[in-house]
Amino acid sequence: MKKVAIIGCGAYMDAGYGCPGEWRCLKAAAMGEGKFSEPVQVTGFIKCECPGRSTVPNLGLAMKMSDIKLDAVYLSSCMVGAKPDCPYMTLEDKVAFIKEKTGLPVVLGTHDYH
């Protein structure tokens, strides 16, 4: 089974911009819906906190502490579709930074729930 971590937008989760938290991402992963086309085991959920500097180090620490090798990182649907966009880093730059630091593929989005 593919092991994944999900990174969610903390600002969207905390401010209530249509995302009540990680439950939609975790539901999609558990049900094999949305961007989860194959069974996965979610081994971590990292909340991106503005301005985002700690996100990749926190992901690295979670990987190290869990001693589980990840197969992919998913960026939550709220992070991918955020409007207004993140004022600190473009989506493309986030993906490139995560790939550069972890060597893992990055999947854009988790679910299509409204």
PDB file of N, CA and C in Angstrom:
ATOM      1  N   MET A   1       0.843  -1.178   0.000  1.00  0.00           N
ATOM      2  CA  MET A   1       0.000   0.000   0.000  1.00  0.00           C
ATOM      3  C   MET A   1       0.887   1.240   0.000  1.00  0.00           C
ATOM      4  N   LYS A   2       0.505   2.192  -0.808  1.00  0.00           N
ATOM      5  CA  LYS A   2       1.241   3.445  -0.935  1.00  0.00           C
ATOM      6  C   LYS A   2       1.122   4.249   0.356  1.00  0.00           C
ATOM      7  N   LYS A   3       2.253   4.752   0.852  1.00  0.00           N
ATOM      8  CA  LYS A   3       2.283   5.565   2.069  1.00  0.00           C
ATOM      9  C   LYS A   3       2.450   7.030   1.672  1.00  0.00           C
ATOM     10  N   VAL A   4       1.561   7.872   2.206  1.00  0.00           N
ATOM     11  CA  VAL A   4       1.549   9.273   1.803  1.00  0.00           C
ATOM     12  C   VAL A   4       1.430  10.194   3.005  1.00  0.00           C
ATOM     13  N   ALA A   5       1.832  11.432   2.790  1.00  0.00           N
ATOM     14  CA  ALA A   5       1.583  12.510   3.748  1.00  0.00           C
ATOM     15  C   ALA A   5       0.764  13.567   3.012  1.00  0.00           C
ATOM     16  N   ILE A   6      -0.048  14.279   3.769  1.00  0.00           N
ATOM     17  CA  ILE A   6      -0.859  15.352   3.208  1.00  0.00           C
ATOM     18  C   ILE A   6      -0.435  16.661   3.866  1.00  0.00           C
ATOM     19  N   ILE A   7      -0.289  17.699   3.045  1.00  0.00           N
ATOM     20  CA  ILE A   7       0.000  19.032   3.558  1.00  0.00           C
ATOM     21  C   ILE A   7      -1.227  19.884   3.290  1.00  0.00           C
ATOM     22  N   GLY A   8      -1.777  20.493   4.347  1.00  0.00           N
ATOM     23  CA  GLY A   8      -2.962  21.333   4.231  1.00  0.00           C
ATOM     24  C   GLY A   8      -2.658  22.774   4.555  1.00  0.00           C
ATOM     25  N   CYS A   9      -3.469  23.676   4.036  1.00  0.00           N
ATOM     26  CA  CYS A   9      -3.314  25.109   4.279  1.00  0.00           C
ATOM     27  C   CYS A   9      -3.900  25.469   5.641  1.00  0.00           C
ATOM     28  N   GLY A  10      -3.048  25.814   6.568  1.00  0.00           N
ATOM     29  CA  GLY A  10      -3.481  26.173   7.910  1.00  0.00           C
ATOM     30  C   GLY A  10      -4.377  27.393   7.943  1.00  0.00           C
ATOM     31  N   ALA A  11      -4.110  28.375   7.090  1.00  0.00           N
ATOM     32  CA  ALA A  11      -4.928  29.588   7.066  1.00  0.00           C
ATOM     33  C   ALA A  11      -6.359  29.253   6.667  1.00  0.00           C
ATOM     34  N   TYR A  12      -6.528  28.412   5.676  1.00  0.00           N
ATOM     35  CA  TYR A  12      -7.872  28.030   5.242  1.00  0.00           C
ATOM     36  C   TYR A  12      -8.573  27.216   6.318  1.00  0.00           C
ATOM     37  N   MET A  13      -7.852  26.300   6.929  1.00  0.00           N
ATOM     38  CA  MET A  13      -8.461  25.469   7.965  1.00  0.00           C
ATOM     39  C   MET A  13      -8.868  26.308   9.174  1.00  0.00           C
ATOM     40  N   ASP A  14      -7.996  27.199   9.605  1.00  0.00           N
ATOM     41  CA  ASP A  14      -8.243  27.972  10.811  1.00  0.00           C
ATOM     42  C   ASP A  14      -9.271  29.081  10.615  1.00  0.00           C
ATOM     43  N   ALA A  15      -9.328  29.649   9.419  1.00  0.00           N
ATOM     44  CA  ALA A  15     -10.210  30.783   9.180  1.00  0.00           C
ATOM     45  C   ALA A  15     -11.594  30.375   8.670  1.00  0.00           C
ATOM     46  N   GLY A  16     -11.780  29.088   8.368  1.00  0.00           N
ATOM     47  CA  GLY A  16     -13.079  28.618   7.934  1.00  0.00           C
ATOM     48  C   GLY A  16     -13.454  28.994   6.523  1.00  0.00           C
ATOM     49  N   TYR A  17     -12.492  29.085   5.638  1.00  0.00           N
ATOM     50  CA  TYR A  17     -12.774  29.413   4.237  1.00  0.00           C
ATOM     51  C   TYR A  17     -13.274  28.194   3.472  1.00  0.00           C
ATOM     52  N   GLY A  18     -14.270  27.547   3.983  1.00  0.00           N
ATOM     53  CA  GLY A  18     -14.834  26.394   3.293  1.00  0.00           C
ATOM     54  C   GLY A  18     -14.102  25.100   3.567  1.00  0.00           C
ATOM     55  N   CYS A  19     -13.083  25.120   4.409  1.00  0.00           N
ATOM     56  CA  CYS A  19     -12.341  23.900   4.750  1.00  0.00           C
ATOM     57  C   CYS A  19     -12.333  23.760   6.265  1.00  0.00           C
ATOM     58  N   PRO A  20     -13.119  22.823   6.789  1.00  0.00           N
ATOM     59  CA  PRO A  20     -13.185  22.676   8.238  1.00  0.00           C
ATOM     60  C   PRO A  20     -12.001  21.943   8.838  1.00  0.00           C
ATOM     61  N   GLY A  21     -11.047  21.569   8.036  1.00  0.00           N
ATOM     62  CA  GLY A  21      -9.893  20.830   8.540  1.00  0.00           C
ATOM     63  C   GLY A  21      -9.609  19.627   7.676  1.00  0.00           C
ATOM     64  N   GLU A  22      -8.829  18.738   8.217  1.00  0.00           N
ATOM     65  CA  GLU A  22      -8.320  17.644   7.399  1.00  0.00           C
ATOM     66  C   GLU A  22      -9.317  16.535   7.124  1.00  0.00           C
ATOM     67  N   TRP A  23     -10.509  16.551   7.681  1.00  0.00           N
ATOM     68  CA  TRP A  23     -11.424  15.419   7.534  1.00  0.00           C
ATOM     69  C   TRP A  23     -11.771  15.117   6.091  1.00  0.00           C
ATOM     70  N   ARG A  24     -11.906  16.107   5.229  1.00  0.00           N
ATOM     71  CA  ARG A  24     -12.221  15.841   3.820  1.00  0.00           C
ATOM     72  C   ARG A  24     -11.059  15.135   3.132  1.00  0.00           C
ATOM     73  N   CYS A  25      -9.853  15.575   3.391  1.00  0.00           N
ATOM     74  CA  CYS A  25      -8.682  14.927   2.804  1.00  0.00           C
ATOM     75  C   CYS A  25      -8.568  13.482   3.283  1.00  0.00           C
ATOM     76  N   LEU A  26      -8.767  13.286   4.581  1.00  0.00           N
ATOM     77  CA  LEU A  26      -8.646  11.944   5.145  1.00  0.00           C
ATOM     78  C   LEU A  26      -9.780  11.044   4.671  1.00  0.00           C
ATOM     79  N   LYS A  27     -10.978  11.597   4.510  1.00  0.00           N
ATOM     80  CA  LYS A  27     -12.093  10.809   3.992  1.00  0.00           C
ATOM     81  C   LYS A  27     -11.794  10.349   2.566  1.00  0.00           C
ATOM     82  N   ALA A  28     -11.329  11.261   1.726  1.00  0.00           N
ATOM     83  CA  ALA A  28     -11.007  10.900   0.341  1.00  0.00           C
ATOM     84  C   ALA A  28      -9.955   9.797   0.298  1.00  0.00           C
ATOM     85  N   ALA A  29      -8.943   9.913   1.155  1.00  0.00           N
ATOM     86  CA  ALA A  29      -7.890   8.893   1.197  1.00  0.00           C
ATOM     87  C   ALA A  29      -8.461   7.549   1.639  1.00  0.00           C
ATOM     88  N   ALA A  30      -9.301   7.562   2.664  1.00  0.00           N
ATOM     89  CA  ALA A  30      -9.874   6.320   3.195  1.00  0.00           C
ATOM     90  C   ALA A  30     -10.832   5.663   2.211  1.00  0.00           C
ATOM     91  N   MET A  31     -11.568   6.485   1.460  1.00  0.00           N
ATOM     92  CA  MET A  31     -12.578   5.962   0.545  1.00  0.00           C
ATOM     93  C   MET A  31     -12.044   5.724  -0.867  1.00  0.00           C
ATOM     94  N   GLY A  32     -10.800   6.132  -1.122  1.00  0.00           N
ATOM     95  CA  GLY A  32     -10.239   5.985  -2.467  1.00  0.00           C
ATOM     96  C   GLY A  32     -10.905   6.909  -3.469  1.00  0.00           C
ATOM     97  N   GLU A  33     -11.268   8.104  -3.013  1.00  0.00           N
ATOM     98  CA  GLU A  33     -11.949   9.070  -3.865  1.00  0.00           C
ATOM     99  C   GLU A  33     -11.005  10.219  -4.218  1.00  0.00           C
ATOM    100  N   GLY A  34     -11.474  11.089  -5.093  1.00  0.00           N
ATOM    101  CA  GLY A  34     -10.682  12.260  -5.480  1.00  0.00           C
ATOM    102  C   GLY A  34      -9.384  11.859  -6.146  1.00  0.00           C
ATOM    103  N   LYS A  35      -8.299  12.389  -5.658  1.00  0.00           N
ATOM    104  CA  LYS A  35      -6.981  12.139  -6.249  1.00  0.00           C
ATOM    105  C   LYS A  35      -6.348  10.824  -5.789  1.00  0.00           C
ATOM    106  N   PHE A  36      -7.040  10.100  -4.929  1.00  0.00           N
ATOM    107  CA  PHE A  36      -6.503   8.843  -4.411  1.00  0.00           C
ATOM    108  C   PHE A  36      -7.027   7.691  -5.267  1.00  0.00           C
ATOM    109  N   SER A  37      -6.329   7.416  -6.359  1.00  0.00           N
ATOM    110  CA  SER A  37      -6.773   6.406  -7.317  1.00  0.00           C
ATOM    111  C   SER A  37      -6.371   4.991  -6.922  1.00  0.00           C
ATOM    112  N   GLU A  38      -5.587   4.864  -5.894  1.00  0.00           N
ATOM    113  CA  GLU A  38      -5.183   3.555  -5.391  1.00  0.00           C
ATOM    114  C   GLU A  38      -5.186   3.605  -3.870  1.00  0.00           C
ATOM    115  N   PRO A  39      -5.256   2.455  -3.199  1.00  0.00           N
ATOM    116  CA  PRO A  39      -5.266   2.467  -1.729  1.00  0.00           C
ATOM    117  C   PRO A  39      -4.009   3.128  -1.162  1.00  0.00           C
ATOM    118  N   VAL A  40      -4.207   3.951  -0.142  1.00  0.00           N
ATOM    119  CA  VAL A  40      -3.086   4.632   0.504  1.00  0.00           C
ATOM    120  C   VAL A  40      -3.204   4.508   2.009  1.00  0.00           C
ATOM    121  N   GLN A  41      -2.064   4.675   2.644  1.00  0.00           N
ATOM    122  CA  GLN A  41      -2.015   4.802   4.099  1.00  0.00           C
ATOM    123  C   GLN A  41      -1.480   6.199   4.383  1.00  0.00           C
ATOM    124  N   VAL A  42      -2.315   7.034   5.003  1.00  0.00           N
ATOM    125  CA  VAL A  42      -1.874   8.383   5.350  1.00  0.00           C
ATOM    126  C   VAL A  42      -1.056   8.272   6.625  1.00  0.00           C
ATOM    127  N   THR A  43       0.223   8.610   6.525  1.00  0.00           N
ATOM    128  CA  THR A  43       1.112   8.478   7.675  1.00  0.00           C
ATOM    129  C   THR A  43       1.366   9.801   8.367  1.00  0.00           C
ATOM    130  N   GLY A  44       0.913  10.900   7.752  1.00  0.00           N
ATOM    131  CA  GLY A  44       1.095  12.196   8.387  1.00  0.00           C
ATOM    132  C   GLY A  44       0.242  13.253   7.729  1.00  0.00           C
ATOM    133  N   PHE A  45      -0.167  14.233   8.530  1.00  0.00           N
ATOM    134  CA  PHE A  45      -0.885  15.398   8.031  1.00  0.00           C
ATOM    135  C   PHE A  45      -0.165  16.611   8.579  1.00  0.00           C
ATOM    136  N   ILE A  46       0.413  17.402   7.689  1.00  0.00           N
ATOM    137  CA  ILE A  46       1.192  18.566   8.093  1.00  0.00           C
ATOM    138  C   ILE A  46       0.392  19.816   7.739  1.00  0.00           C
ATOM    139  N   LYS A  47       0.258  20.686   8.694  1.00  0.00           N
ATOM    140  CA  LYS A  47      -0.468  21.937   8.503  1.00  0.00           C
ATOM    141  C   LYS A  47       0.541  23.014   8.129  1.00  0.00           C
ATOM    142  N   CYS A  48       0.392  23.572   6.936  1.00  0.00           N
ATOM    143  CA  CYS A  48       1.264  24.654   6.502  1.00  0.00           C
ATOM    144  C   CYS A  48       0.846  25.919   7.236  1.00  0.00           C
ATOM    145  N   GLU A  49       1.751  26.516   7.951  1.00  0.00           N
ATOM    146  CA  GLU A  49       1.492  27.746   8.689  1.00  0.00           C
ATOM    147  C   GLU A  49       2.230  28.900   8.013  1.00  0.00           C
ATOM    148  N   CYS A  50       1.536  30.010   7.795  1.00  0.00           N
ATOM    149  CA  CYS A  50       2.135  31.176   7.150  1.00  0.00           C
ATOM    150  C   CYS A  50       3.378  31.624   7.920  1.00  0.00           C
ATOM    151  N   PRO A  51       4.466  31.935   7.260  1.00  0.00           N
ATOM    152  CA  PRO A  51       4.627  32.040   5.819  1.00  0.00           C
ATOM    153  C   PRO A  51       5.098  30.744   5.140  1.00  0.00           C
ATOM    154  N   GLY A  52       5.056  29.632   5.803  1.00  0.00           N
ATOM    155  CA  GLY A  52       5.359  28.350   5.171  1.00  0.00           C
ATOM    156  C   GLY A  52       6.786  27.845   5.316  1.00  0.00           C
ATOM    157  N   ARG A  53       7.627  28.602   5.989  1.00  0.00           N
ATOM    158  CA  ARG A  53       9.037  28.199   6.109  1.00  0.00           C
ATOM    159  C   ARG A  53       9.219  26.872   6.830  1.00  0.00           C
ATOM    160  N   SER A  54       8.334  26.545   7.750  1.00  0.00           N
ATOM    161  CA  SER A  54       8.521  25.337   8.555  1.00  0.00           C
ATOM    162  C   SER A  54       7.876  24.090   7.944  1.00  0.00           C
ATOM    163  N   THR A  55       7.137  24.241   6.865  1.00  0.00           N
ATOM    164  CA  THR A  55       6.382  23.119   6.316  1.00  0.00           C
ATOM    165  C   THR A  55       7.267  21.956   5.896  1.00  0.00           C
ATOM    166  N   VAL A  56       8.264  22.204   5.084  1.00  0.00           N
ATOM    167  CA  VAL A  56       9.121  21.118   4.615  1.00  0.00           C
ATOM    168  C   VAL A  56       9.980  20.554   5.752  1.00  0.00           C
ATOM    169  N   PRO A  57      10.563  21.385   6.638  1.00  0.00           N
ATOM    170  CA  PRO A  57      11.260  20.804   7.784  1.00  0.00           C
ATOM    171  C   PRO A  57      10.340  19.960   8.668  1.00  0.00           C
ATOM    172  N   ASN A  58       9.080  20.400   8.865  1.00  0.00           N
ATOM    173  CA  ASN A  58       8.136  19.604   9.645  1.00  0.00           C
ATOM    174  C   ASN A  58       7.815  18.287   8.956  1.00  0.00           C
ATOM    175  N   LEU A  59       7.704  18.308   7.639  1.00  0.00           N
ATOM    176  CA  LEU A  59       7.486  17.075   6.883  1.00  0.00           C
ATOM    177  C   LEU A  59       8.681  16.138   7.062  1.00  0.00           C
ATOM    178  N   GLY A  60       9.884  16.686   6.961  1.00  0.00           N
ATOM    179  CA  GLY A  60      11.090  15.875   7.158  1.00  0.00           C
ATOM    180  C   GLY A  60      11.160  15.284   8.553  1.00  0.00           C
ATOM    181  N   LEU A  61      10.805  16.071   9.552  1.00  0.00           N
ATOM    182  CA  LEU A  61      10.817  15.585  10.931  1.00  0.00           C
ATOM    183  C   LEU A  61       9.777  14.483  11.129  1.00  0.00           C
ATOM    184  N   ALA A  62       8.587  14.675  10.562  1.00  0.00           N
ATOM    185  CA  ALA A  62       7.543  13.649  10.663  1.00  0.00           C
ATOM    186  C   ALA A  62       8.004  12.348  10.011  1.00  0.00           C
ATOM    187  N   MET A  63       8.665  12.456   8.863  1.00  0.00           N
ATOM    188  CA  MET A  63       9.175  11.265   8.180  1.00  0.00           C
ATOM    189  C   MET A  63      10.235  10.569   9.030  1.00  0.00           C
ATOM    190  N   LYS A  64      11.110  11.366   9.620  1.00  0.00           N
ATOM    191  CA  LYS A  64      12.184  10.800  10.436  1.00  0.00           C
ATOM    192  C   LYS A  64      11.636  10.146  11.707  1.00  0.00           C
ATOM    193  N   MET A  65      10.718  10.837  12.378  1.00  0.00           N
ATOM    194  CA  MET A  65      10.194  10.328  13.641  1.00  0.00           C
ATOM    195  C   MET A  65       9.321   9.082  13.447  1.00  0.00           C
ATOM    196  N   SER A  66       8.597   9.023  12.331  1.00  0.00           N
ATOM    197  CA  SER A  66       7.723   7.871  12.099  1.00  0.00           C
ATOM    198  C   SER A  66       8.511   6.674  11.582  1.00  0.00           C
ATOM    199  N   ASP A  67       9.679   6.948  11.021  1.00  0.00           N
ATOM    200  CA  ASP A  67      10.519   5.894  10.442  1.00  0.00           C
ATOM    201  C   ASP A  67       9.769   5.158   9.330  1.00  0.00           C
ATOM    202  N   ILE A  68       8.883   5.879   8.632  1.00  0.00           N
ATOM    203  CA  ILE A  68       8.132   5.319   7.521  1.00  0.00           C
ATOM    204  C   ILE A  68       8.551   6.052   6.258  1.00  0.00           C
ATOM    205  N   LYS A  69       8.941   5.291   5.250  1.00  0.00           N
ATOM    206  CA  LYS A  69       9.332   5.894   3.983  1.00  0.00           C
ATOM    207  C   LYS A  69       8.079   6.214   3.174  1.00  0.00           C
ATOM    208  N   LEU A  70       7.931   7.475   2.842  1.00  0.00           N
ATOM    209  CA  LEU A  70       6.775   7.917   2.069  1.00  0.00           C
ATOM    210  C   LEU A  70       6.967   7.616   0.586  1.00  0.00           C
ATOM    211  N   ASP A  71       5.833   7.438  -0.091  1.00  0.00           N
ATOM    212  CA  ASP A  71       5.835   7.254  -1.540  1.00  0.00           C
ATOM    213  C   ASP A  71       5.435   8.523  -2.269  1.00  0.00           C
ATOM    214  N   ALA A  72       4.698   9.410  -1.588  1.00  0.00           N
ATOM    215  CA  ALA A  72       4.241  10.646  -2.224  1.00  0.00           C
ATOM    216  C   ALA A  72       3.764  11.633  -1.170  1.00  0.00           C
ATOM    217  N   VAL A  73       3.703  12.889  -1.579  1.00  0.00           N
ATOM    218  CA  VAL A  73       3.152  13.958  -0.756  1.00  0.00           C
ATOM    219  C   VAL A  73       1.974  14.547  -1.533  1.00  0.00           C
ATOM    220  N   TYR A  74       0.860  14.687  -0.853  1.00  0.00           N
ATOM    221  CA  TYR A  74      -0.330  15.292  -1.445  1.00  0.00           C
ATOM    222  C   TYR A  74      -0.512  16.680  -0.864  1.00  0.00           C
ATOM    223  N   LEU A  75      -0.739  17.663  -1.737  1.00  0.00           N
ATOM    224  CA  LEU A  75      -1.116  18.993  -1.280  1.00  0.00           C
ATOM    225  C   LEU A  75      -2.632  19.028  -1.249  1.00  0.00           C
ATOM    226  N   SER A  76      -3.196  19.446  -0.127  1.00  0.00           N
ATOM    227  CA  SER A  76      -4.647  19.437   0.045  1.00  0.00           C
ATOM    228  C   SER A  76      -5.333  20.269  -1.038  1.00  0.00           C
ATOM    229  N   SER A  77      -6.594  19.938  -1.263  1.00  0.00           N
ATOM    230  CA  SER A  77      -7.370  20.686  -2.252  1.00  0.00           C
ATOM    231  C   SER A  77      -7.491  22.156  -1.870  1.00  0.00           C
ATOM    232  N   CYS A  78      -7.565  22.457  -0.548  1.00  0.00           N
ATOM    233  CA  CYS A  78      -7.651  23.862  -0.144  1.00  0.00           C
ATOM    234  C   CYS A  78      -6.338  24.596  -0.457  1.00  0.00           C
ATOM    235  N   MET A  79      -5.228  23.899  -0.361  1.00  0.00           N
ATOM    236  CA  MET A  79      -3.948  24.535  -0.667  1.00  0.00           C
ATOM    237  C   MET A  79      -3.803  24.755  -2.172  1.00  0.00           C
ATOM    238  N   VAL A  80      -4.235  23.790  -2.938  1.00  0.00           N
ATOM    239  CA  VAL A  80      -4.099  23.871  -4.392  1.00  0.00           C
ATOM    240  C   VAL A  80      -5.052  24.895  -4.989  1.00  0.00           C
ATOM    241  N   GLY A  81      -6.277  24.968  -4.448  1.00  0.00           N
ATOM    242  CA  GLY A  81      -7.283  25.862  -5.023  1.00  0.00           C
ATOM    243  C   GLY A  81      -7.505  27.134  -4.248  1.00  0.00           C
ATOM    244  N   ALA A  82      -6.586  27.488  -3.375  1.00  0.00           N
ATOM    245  CA  ALA A  82      -6.766  28.661  -2.515  1.00  0.00           C
ATOM    246  C   ALA A  82      -6.971  29.936  -3.332  1.00  0.00           C
ATOM    247  N   LYS A  83      -8.026  30.654  -2.975  1.00  0.00           N
ATOM    248  CA  LYS A  83      -8.299  31.964  -3.559  1.00  0.00           C
ATOM    249  C   LYS A  83      -8.639  32.893  -2.419  1.00  0.00           C
ATOM    250  N   PRO A  84      -7.898  33.898  -2.105  1.00  0.00           N
ATOM    251  CA  PRO A  84      -6.719  34.305  -2.852  1.00  0.00           C
ATOM    252  C   PRO A  84      -5.575  33.313  -2.674  1.00  0.00           C
ATOM    253  N   ASP A  85      -4.672  33.350  -3.620  1.00  0.00           N
ATOM    254  CA  ASP A  85      -3.502  32.472  -3.569  1.00  0.00           C
ATOM    255  C   ASP A  85      -2.640  32.803  -2.361  1.00  0.00           C
ATOM    256  N   CYS A  86      -1.790  31.857  -2.015  1.00  0.00           N
ATOM    257  CA  CYS A  86      -0.834  32.071  -0.930  1.00  0.00           C
ATOM    258  C   CYS A  86       0.031  33.292  -1.252  1.00  0.00           C
ATOM    259  N   PRO A  87       0.116  34.261  -0.338  1.00  0.00           N
ATOM    260  CA  PRO A  87       0.905  35.457  -0.610  1.00  0.00           C
ATOM    261  C   PRO A  87       2.413  35.237  -0.438  1.00  0.00           C
ATOM    262  N   TYR A  88       2.808  34.067   0.036  1.00  0.00           N
ATOM    263  CA  TYR A  88       4.211  33.836   0.367  1.00  0.00           C
ATOM    264  C   TYR A  88       4.964  32.991  -0.657  1.00  0.00           C
ATOM    265  N   MET A  89       4.253  32.081  -1.336  1.00  0.00           N
ATOM    266  CA  MET A  89       4.936  31.195  -2.265  1.00  0.00           C
ATOM    267  C   MET A  89       3.930  30.687  -3.292  1.00  0.00           C
ATOM    268  N   THR A  90       4.321  30.688  -4.560  1.00  0.00           N
ATOM    269  CA  THR A  90       3.430  30.157  -5.587  1.00  0.00           C
ATOM    270  C   THR A  90       3.299  28.648  -5.421  1.00  0.00           C
ATOM    271  N   LEU A  91       2.235  28.102  -5.951  1.00  0.00           N
ATOM    272  CA  LEU A  91       2.021  26.662  -5.899  1.00  0.00           C
ATOM    273  C   LEU A  91       3.169  25.929  -6.581  1.00  0.00           C
ATOM    274  N   GLU A  92       3.613  26.449  -7.707  1.00  0.00           N
ATOM    275  CA  GLU A  92       4.714  25.825  -8.439  1.00  0.00           C
ATOM    276  C   GLU A  92       5.993  25.806  -7.599  1.00  0.00           C
ATOM    277  N   ASP A  93       6.261  26.896  -6.893  1.00  0.00           N
ATOM    278  CA  ASP A  93       7.447  26.964  -6.044  1.00  0.00           C
ATOM    279  C   ASP A  93       7.341  26.002  -4.859  1.00  0.00           C
ATOM    280  N   LYS A  94       6.131  25.867  -4.285  1.00  0.00           N
ATOM    281  CA  LYS A  94       5.934  24.917  -3.183  1.00  0.00           C
ATOM    282  C   LYS A  94       6.240  23.503  -3.645  1.00  0.00           C
ATOM    283  N   VAL A  95       5.686  23.150  -4.796  1.00  0.00           N
ATOM    284  CA  VAL A  95       5.898  21.800  -5.342  1.00  0.00           C
ATOM    285  C   VAL A  95       7.386  21.567  -5.592  1.00  0.00           C
ATOM    286  N   ALA A  96       8.045  22.523  -6.220  1.00  0.00           N
ATOM    287  CA  ALA A  96       9.470  22.378  -6.513  1.00  0.00           C
ATOM    288  C   ALA A  96      10.288  22.253  -5.231  1.00  0.00           C
ATOM    289  N   PHE A  97       9.948  23.042  -4.212  1.00  0.00           N
ATOM    290  CA  PHE A  97      10.675  23.003  -2.938  1.00  0.00           C
ATOM    291  C   PHE A  97      10.506  21.649  -2.259  1.00  0.00           C
ATOM    292  N   ILE A  98       9.275  21.140  -2.227  1.00  0.00           N
ATOM    293  CA  ILE A  98       9.021  19.837  -1.603  1.00  0.00           C
ATOM    294  C   ILE A  98       9.771  18.733  -2.353  1.00  0.00           C
ATOM    295  N   LYS A  99       9.699  18.765  -3.674  1.00  0.00           N
ATOM    296  CA  LYS A  99      10.395  17.747  -4.478  1.00  0.00           C
ATOM    297  C   LYS A  99      11.900  17.814  -4.265  1.00  0.00           C
ATOM    298  N   GLU A 100      12.435  19.033  -4.260  1.00  0.00           N
ATOM    299  CA  GLU A 100      13.879  19.224  -4.093  1.00  0.00           C
ATOM    300  C   GLU A 100      14.361  18.690  -2.742  1.00  0.00           C
ATOM    301  N   LYS A 101      13.625  18.991  -1.686  1.00  0.00           N
ATOM    302  CA  LYS A 101      14.059  18.626  -0.339  1.00  0.00           C
ATOM    303  C   LYS A 101      13.757  17.179   0.038  1.00  0.00           C
ATOM    304  N   THR A 102      12.719  16.581  -0.564  1.00  0.00           N
ATOM    305  CA  THR A 102      12.348  15.220  -0.169  1.00  0.00           C
ATOM    306  C   THR A 102      12.617  14.173  -1.241  1.00  0.00           C
ATOM    307  N   GLY A 103      12.677  14.602  -2.492  1.00  0.00           N
ATOM    308  CA  GLY A 103      12.828  13.657  -3.582  1.00  0.00           C
ATOM    309  C   GLY A 103      11.541  12.895  -3.889  1.00  0.00           C
ATOM    310  N   LEU A 104      10.425  13.338  -3.313  1.00  0.00           N
ATOM    311  CA  LEU A 104       9.156  12.643  -3.473  1.00  0.00           C
ATOM    312  C   LEU A 104       8.267  13.308  -4.516  1.00  0.00           C
ATOM    313  N   PRO A 105       7.434  12.520  -5.189  1.00  0.00           N
ATOM    314  CA  PRO A 105       6.451  13.133  -6.085  1.00  0.00           C
ATOM    315  C   PRO A 105       5.396  13.874  -5.279  1.00  0.00           C
ATOM    316  N   VAL A 106       4.854  14.927  -5.862  1.00  0.00           N
ATOM    317  CA  VAL A 106       3.835  15.742  -5.213  1.00  0.00           C
ATOM    318  C   VAL A 106       2.561  15.689  -6.052  1.00  0.00           C
ATOM    319  N   VAL A 107       1.455  15.347  -5.409  1.00  0.00           N
ATOM    320  CA  VAL A 107       0.157  15.277  -6.076  1.00  0.00           C
ATOM    321  C   VAL A 107      -0.634  16.527  -5.698  1.00  0.00           C
ATOM    322  N   LEU A 108      -1.214  17.168  -6.697  1.00  0.00           N
ATOM    323  CA  LEU A 108      -1.965  18.404  -6.473  1.00  0.00           C
ATOM    324  C   LEU A 108      -3.428  18.096  -6.192  1.00  0.00           C
ATOM    325  N   GLY A 109      -3.842  18.312  -4.959  1.00  0.00           N
ATOM    326  CA  GLY A 109      -5.222  18.115  -4.555  1.00  0.00           C
ATOM    327  C   GLY A 109      -5.441  16.757  -3.914  1.00  0.00           C
ATOM    328  N   THR A 110      -6.551  16.677  -3.175  1.00  0.00           N
ATOM    329  CA  THR A 110      -6.902  15.440  -2.493  1.00  0.00           C
ATOM    330  C   THR A 110      -8.325  15.007  -2.804  1.00  0.00           C
ATOM    331  N   HIS A 111      -9.255  15.931  -2.929  1.00  0.00           N
ATOM    332  CA  HIS A 111     -10.664  15.584  -3.104  1.00  0.00           C
ATOM    333  C   HIS A 111     -11.380  16.611  -3.967  1.00  0.00           C
ATOM    334  N   ASP A 112     -12.608  16.249  -4.354  1.00  0.00           N
ATOM    335  CA  ASP A 112     -13.442  17.148  -5.144  1.00  0.00           C
ATOM    336  C   ASP A 112     -14.718  17.519  -4.406  1.00  0.00           C
ATOM    337  N   TYR A 113     -14.745  17.332  -3.092  1.00  0.00           N
ATOM    338  CA  TYR A 113     -15.933  17.649  -2.315  1.00  0.00           C
ATOM    339  C   TYR A 113     -16.151  19.160  -2.280  1.00  0.00           C
ATOM    340  N   HIS A 114     -17.399  19.551  -2.192  1.00  0.00           N
ATOM    341  CA  HIS A 114     -17.718  20.985  -2.114  1.00  0.00           C
ATOM    342  C   HIS A 114     -18.223  21.333  -0.750  1.00  0.00           C
TER     343      HIS A 114
END
